[in-house]
């Protein structure tokens, strides 16, 4: 009897060890698969970087990643271009004809509503009653979102900023029925309010990186604007001058038209 109990104990012990080994092998394989998928995804993202008109670029399109065709938009689809003071100043430059040949519809042949909110953070833009009303009444199908620089000029961590931007992009789709949101690259500054300019620039670099390589988002880079030989910032060291506005307009124009092609 004692011998049987001893043998049974050994058998149970060996069985437990075998189960543990199988679990480790299974979870290890799953982790390896997830890791391989992760790196495959990052490799794919780099391969989907496209150069377009005015050297602007679309990066990491979620529809390509998921092998799903984007939902078509209607011929009368409304587009929103929303964001902080950069968008507000751009709207002024267009209406005041500061930018040569600039069109209010960004040459999309669609109605484009531009909503810029000076000093906006992700949260203040998201909760703007005026913007919420416009989203509900106009029901845009595509949204170009330029936000995050004012959040970066604070003690808020980059992870939190990018997380808030991504949550808002999802909210635009889930709550307001937007079919696609494209995130805009954020600009560097020569002058800041709350952080040393170098610290701010490092945060902007990391923020753009996180937005570019995050799953299920669309990201638009302003290559020509960032590589311009002319000075693109105004005297305040924050906002774009006339040269910068022209580059910015043409980059957004290219981004919107590229997005429309995806959603035909």
Protein backbone atom coordinates (compact mmCIF):
# COMPACT_ATOMS: atom_id res chain seq x y z
CA UNK A 1 0.00 0.00 0.00
CA UNK A 2 2.78 2.41 0.91
CA UNK A 3 4.61 1.48 -2.31
CA UNK A 4 1.47 2.12 -4.38
CA UNK A 5 0.95 5.48 -2.77
CA UNK A 6 4.55 6.34 -3.50
CA UNK A 7 4.20 5.27 -7.13
CA UNK A 8 0.94 7.17 -7.49
CA UNK A 9 2.60 10.25 -6.07
CA UNK A 10 5.44 9.95 -8.55
CA UNK A 11 3.00 9.46 -11.42
CA UNK A 12 0.99 12.52 -10.37
CA UNK A 13 4.17 14.55 -10.03
CA UNK A 14 5.39 13.51 -13.48
CA UNK A 15 1.97 14.22 -14.93
CA UNK A 16 2.02 17.69 -13.41
CA UNK A 17 5.48 18.35 -14.81
CA UNK A 18 4.37 17.18 -18.26
CA UNK A 19 1.34 19.49 -18.18
CA UNK A 20 3.51 22.41 -17.08
CA UNK A 21 5.96 21.76 -19.89
CA UNK A 22 3.15 21.59 -22.43
CA UNK A 23 1.76 24.90 -21.12
CA UNK A 24 5.16 26.56 -21.36
CA UNK A 25 5.65 25.28 -24.89
CA UNK A 26 2.17 26.45 -25.88
CA UNK A 27 2.46 29.91 -24.38
CA UNK A 28 6.00 30.22 -25.70
CA UNK A 29 4.83 29.39 -29.20
CA UNK A 30 1.96 31.83 -28.85
CA UNK A 31 4.34 34.55 -27.67
CA UNK A 32 6.73 33.80 -30.50
CA UNK A 33 3.84 33.99 -32.94
CA UNK A 34 2.67 37.31 -31.50
CA UNK A 35 6.21 38.66 -31.57
CA UNK A 36 6.75 37.54 -35.15
CA UNK A 37 3.43 39.09 -36.09
CA UNK A 38 4.42 42.30 -34.31
CA UNK A 39 7.71 42.64 -36.14
CA UNK A 40 6.08 41.61 -39.39
CA UNK A 41 3.59 44.39 -38.80
CA UNK A 42 6.35 46.96 -38.24
CA UNK A 43 8.17 45.77 -41.34
CA UNK A 44 4.95 46.04 -43.29
CA UNK A 45 4.36 49.55 -41.98
CA UNK A 46 7.71 50.68 -43.32
CA UNK A 47 6.95 49.10 -46.66
CA UNK A 48 3.63 50.99 -46.92
CA UNK A 49 5.28 54.41 -46.68
CA UNK A 50 4.35 56.26 -49.86
CA UNK A 51 5.56 59.53 -51.31
CA UNK A 52 2.93 61.60 -53.03
CA UNK A 53 2.36 65.03 -54.50
CA UNK A 54 4.38 67.75 -52.75
CA UNK A 55 6.45 65.04 -51.04
CA UNK A 56 3.68 64.50 -48.49
CA UNK A 57 3.28 60.89 -47.42
CA UNK A 58 0.69 58.42 -46.19
CA UNK A 59 1.99 55.87 -43.75
CA UNK A 60 0.67 52.66 -42.28
CA UNK A 61 -2.84 52.44 -43.63
CA UNK A 62 -5.00 50.27 -41.43
CA UNK A 63 -7.00 48.90 -44.33
CA UNK A 64 -3.83 47.58 -45.95
CA UNK A 65 -2.74 46.09 -42.64
CA UNK A 66 -6.03 44.24 -42.17
CA UNK A 67 -6.44 43.38 -45.87
CA UNK A 68 -9.85 45.04 -45.83
CA UNK A 69 -11.11 47.46 -48.45
CA UNK A 70 -11.95 50.91 -47.05
CA UNK A 71 -15.65 51.75 -46.89
CA UNK A 72 -16.61 53.85 -49.95
CA UNK A 73 -17.74 57.42 -49.33
CA UNK A 74 -20.61 59.08 -51.14
CA UNK A 75 -20.28 61.67 -53.88
CA UNK A 76 -21.73 64.24 -51.48
CA UNK A 77 -19.50 63.18 -48.60
CA UNK A 78 -18.49 65.98 -46.22
CA UNK A 79 -14.91 66.23 -44.99
CA UNK A 80 -13.81 67.87 -41.74
CA UNK A 81 -10.36 69.35 -41.18
CA UNK A 82 -10.12 69.98 -37.45
CA UNK A 83 -7.46 70.85 -34.92
CA UNK A 84 -5.69 73.59 -33.02
CA UNK A 85 -4.51 77.09 -33.97
CA UNK A 86 -2.53 75.74 -36.93
CA UNK A 87 -5.83 74.79 -38.54
CA UNK A 88 -7.45 78.09 -37.50
CA UNK A 89 -4.58 80.09 -39.06
CA UNK A 90 -4.70 77.93 -42.20
CA UNK A 91 -8.40 78.64 -42.57
CA UNK A 92 -7.70 82.38 -42.28
CA UNK A 93 -4.92 82.13 -44.87
CA UNK A 94 -7.27 80.39 -47.30
CA UNK A 95 -10.16 82.84 -46.81
CA UNK A 96 -7.83 85.87 -47.05
CA UNK A 97 -6.20 84.45 -50.20
CA UNK A 98 -2.75 84.45 -48.62
CA UNK A 99 -2.08 81.09 -50.28
CA UNK A 100 -1.94 81.27 -54.06
CA UNK A 101 -4.72 79.31 -55.80
CA UNK A 102 -5.90 77.78 -52.53
CA UNK A 103 -9.44 76.40 -52.69
CA UNK A 104 -11.80 76.05 -49.71
CA UNK A 105 -12.50 72.46 -50.75
CA UNK A 106 -8.76 71.63 -51.00
CA UNK A 107 -9.48 70.62 -54.62
CA UNK A 108 -11.42 67.56 -53.48
CA UNK A 109 -14.75 68.43 -55.13
CA UNK A 110 -16.31 67.82 -51.73
CA UNK A 111 -17.60 70.14 -49.06
CA UNK A 112 -14.77 70.68 -46.57
CA UNK A 113 -15.50 72.15 -43.14
CA UNK A 114 -12.46 73.63 -41.41
CA UNK A 115 -12.63 73.96 -37.64
CA UNK A 116 -9.59 75.36 -35.85
CA UNK A 117 -9.52 76.06 -32.13
CA UNK A 118 -6.60 78.21 -30.90
CA UNK A 119 -4.89 76.74 -27.87
CA UNK A 120 -6.77 73.47 -28.22
CA UNK A 121 -5.66 70.28 -26.54
CA UNK A 122 -7.08 66.89 -27.41
CA UNK A 123 -9.56 67.17 -24.55
CA UNK A 124 -10.74 70.73 -25.21
CA UNK A 125 -11.19 69.97 -28.92
CA UNK A 126 -13.05 66.75 -28.16
CA UNK A 127 -15.46 68.47 -25.76
CA UNK A 128 -16.01 71.64 -27.82
CA UNK A 129 -19.77 72.12 -27.98
CA UNK A 130 -19.48 73.95 -31.29
CA UNK A 131 -17.52 71.12 -32.87
CA UNK A 132 -19.81 68.47 -31.41
CA UNK A 133 -22.81 70.28 -32.88
CA UNK A 134 -21.12 70.46 -36.30
CA UNK A 135 -20.19 66.77 -36.20
CA UNK A 136 -23.77 65.82 -35.39
CA UNK A 137 -25.36 68.14 -37.95
CA UNK A 138 -22.96 67.71 -40.88
CA UNK A 139 -22.10 64.02 -40.32
CA UNK A 140 -18.67 64.07 -42.01
CA UNK A 141 -17.46 60.84 -43.57
CA UNK A 142 -13.75 61.72 -43.46
CA UNK A 143 -11.84 63.70 -40.82
CA UNK A 144 -8.34 65.16 -40.95
CA UNK A 145 -7.16 65.65 -37.36
CA UNK A 146 -4.27 67.94 -36.44
CA UNK A 147 -3.88 68.01 -32.66
CA UNK A 148 -1.33 67.27 -29.94
CA UNK A 149 1.25 70.08 -29.97
CA UNK A 150 -0.31 72.03 -27.10
CA UNK A 151 -0.55 68.82 -25.07
CA UNK A 152 3.15 68.22 -25.78
CA UNK A 153 4.04 71.65 -24.38
CA UNK A 154 3.09 70.45 -20.90
CA UNK A 155 4.13 67.87 -18.33
CA UNK A 156 1.80 65.31 -19.88
CA UNK A 157 3.61 62.13 -20.95
CA UNK A 158 3.81 61.31 -24.65
CA UNK A 159 2.11 57.94 -24.11
CA UNK A 160 -0.89 59.71 -22.59
CA UNK A 161 -1.04 62.27 -25.42
CA UNK A 162 -0.91 59.66 -28.17
CA UNK A 163 -3.44 57.53 -26.27
CA UNK A 164 -5.86 60.46 -26.05
CA UNK A 165 -5.49 61.20 -29.76
CA UNK A 166 -6.14 57.57 -30.68
CA UNK A 167 -9.15 57.39 -28.36
CA UNK A 168 -10.58 60.51 -29.95
CA UNK A 169 -10.09 59.11 -33.46
CA UNK A 170 -12.02 56.00 -32.40
CA UNK A 171 -14.72 58.19 -30.85
CA UNK A 172 -15.11 60.08 -34.12
CA UNK A 173 -15.76 56.79 -35.89
CA UNK A 174 -17.90 55.06 -33.25
CA UNK A 175 -19.97 58.01 -32.01
CA UNK A 176 -20.19 60.29 -35.05
CA UNK A 177 -20.09 57.71 -37.83
CA UNK A 178 -16.88 58.94 -39.46
CA UNK A 179 -15.57 56.35 -41.91
CA UNK A 180 -11.91 57.31 -41.71
CA UNK A 181 -9.71 59.59 -39.58
CA UNK A 182 -6.25 60.62 -40.72
CA UNK A 183 -3.80 61.91 -38.11
CA UNK A 184 -1.52 64.81 -38.95
CA UNK A 185 2.18 65.07 -38.17
CA UNK A 186 2.89 67.64 -35.45
CA UNK A 187 5.36 70.51 -35.86
CA UNK A 188 8.45 71.57 -33.97
CA UNK A 189 8.62 74.95 -32.26
CA UNK A 190 11.33 77.52 -31.71
CA UNK A 191 9.52 79.00 -28.73
CA UNK A 192 7.51 77.23 -26.08
CA UNK A 193 5.49 78.25 -23.03
CA UNK A 194 6.02 75.51 -20.50
CA UNK A 195 8.95 73.35 -21.61
CA UNK A 196 12.45 74.03 -22.94
CA UNK A 197 12.27 73.94 -26.77
CA UNK A 198 14.64 70.96 -26.99
CA UNK A 199 12.52 68.94 -24.57
CA UNK A 200 9.40 69.87 -26.52
CA UNK A 201 11.00 68.81 -29.81
CA UNK A 202 11.97 65.43 -28.37
CA UNK A 203 8.39 64.88 -27.25
CA UNK A 204 7.09 65.82 -30.70
CA UNK A 205 9.47 63.37 -32.36
CA UNK A 206 8.26 60.57 -30.06
CA UNK A 207 4.61 61.57 -30.45
CA UNK A 208 4.81 61.46 -34.25
CA UNK A 209 6.58 58.12 -34.04
CA UNK A 210 3.87 56.62 -31.82
CA UNK A 211 1.06 57.90 -34.01
CA UNK A 212 2.78 56.72 -37.21
CA UNK A 213 3.38 53.17 -36.02
CA UNK A 214 0.22 52.56 -34.02
CA UNK A 215 -2.13 49.89 -35.32
CA UNK A 216 -5.45 50.87 -36.91
CA UNK A 217 -4.60 54.50 -37.59
CA UNK A 218 -3.76 56.57 -40.64
CA UNK A 219 -0.92 59.07 -40.46
CA UNK A 220 0.05 61.88 -42.82
CA UNK A 221 3.58 63.31 -42.84
CA UNK A 222 4.43 66.80 -44.07
CA UNK A 223 7.75 65.97 -45.68
CA UNK A 224 8.13 69.01 -47.87
CA UNK A 225 7.11 71.30 -45.04
CA UNK A 226 9.63 69.77 -42.66
CA UNK A 227 12.41 69.83 -45.27
CA UNK A 228 11.73 73.31 -46.61
CA UNK A 229 14.81 75.49 -47.18
CA UNK A 230 12.85 78.64 -46.38
CA UNK A 231 11.94 79.64 -42.85
CA UNK A 232 8.45 78.26 -42.26
CA UNK A 233 7.71 79.65 -38.77
CA UNK A 234 6.51 83.14 -38.03
CA UNK A 235 7.96 85.59 -35.54
CA UNK A 236 6.24 83.88 -32.62
CA UNK A 237 8.29 80.73 -33.28
CA UNK A 238 5.16 78.58 -33.11
CA UNK A 239 2.83 79.24 -36.03
CA UNK A 240 3.54 79.01 -39.74
CA UNK A 241 4.39 82.02 -41.87
CA UNK A 242 3.06 82.48 -45.42
CA UNK A 243 5.57 80.00 -46.85
CA UNK A 244 4.68 77.46 -44.20
CA UNK A 245 0.94 77.94 -44.74
CA UNK A 246 1.35 77.25 -48.43
CA UNK A 247 3.25 74.03 -47.74
CA UNK A 248 0.72 73.02 -45.08
CA UNK A 249 -2.25 73.62 -47.38
CA UNK A 250 -0.74 71.59 -50.23
CA UNK A 251 0.18 68.75 -47.91
CA UNK A 252 -3.34 68.50 -46.47
CA UNK A 253 -4.77 68.78 -50.00
CA UNK A 254 -2.67 65.79 -51.05
CA UNK A 255 -3.64 63.86 -47.92
CA UNK A 256 -7.36 64.39 -48.44
CA UNK A 257 -7.27 63.47 -52.10
CA UNK A 258 -5.22 60.37 -51.36
CA UNK A 259 -7.74 59.38 -48.69
CA UNK A 260 -10.61 59.89 -51.11
CA UNK A 261 -8.94 57.56 -53.61
CA UNK A 262 -8.77 54.87 -50.93
CA UNK A 263 -12.48 55.24 -50.23
CA UNK A 264 -13.77 55.13 -53.80
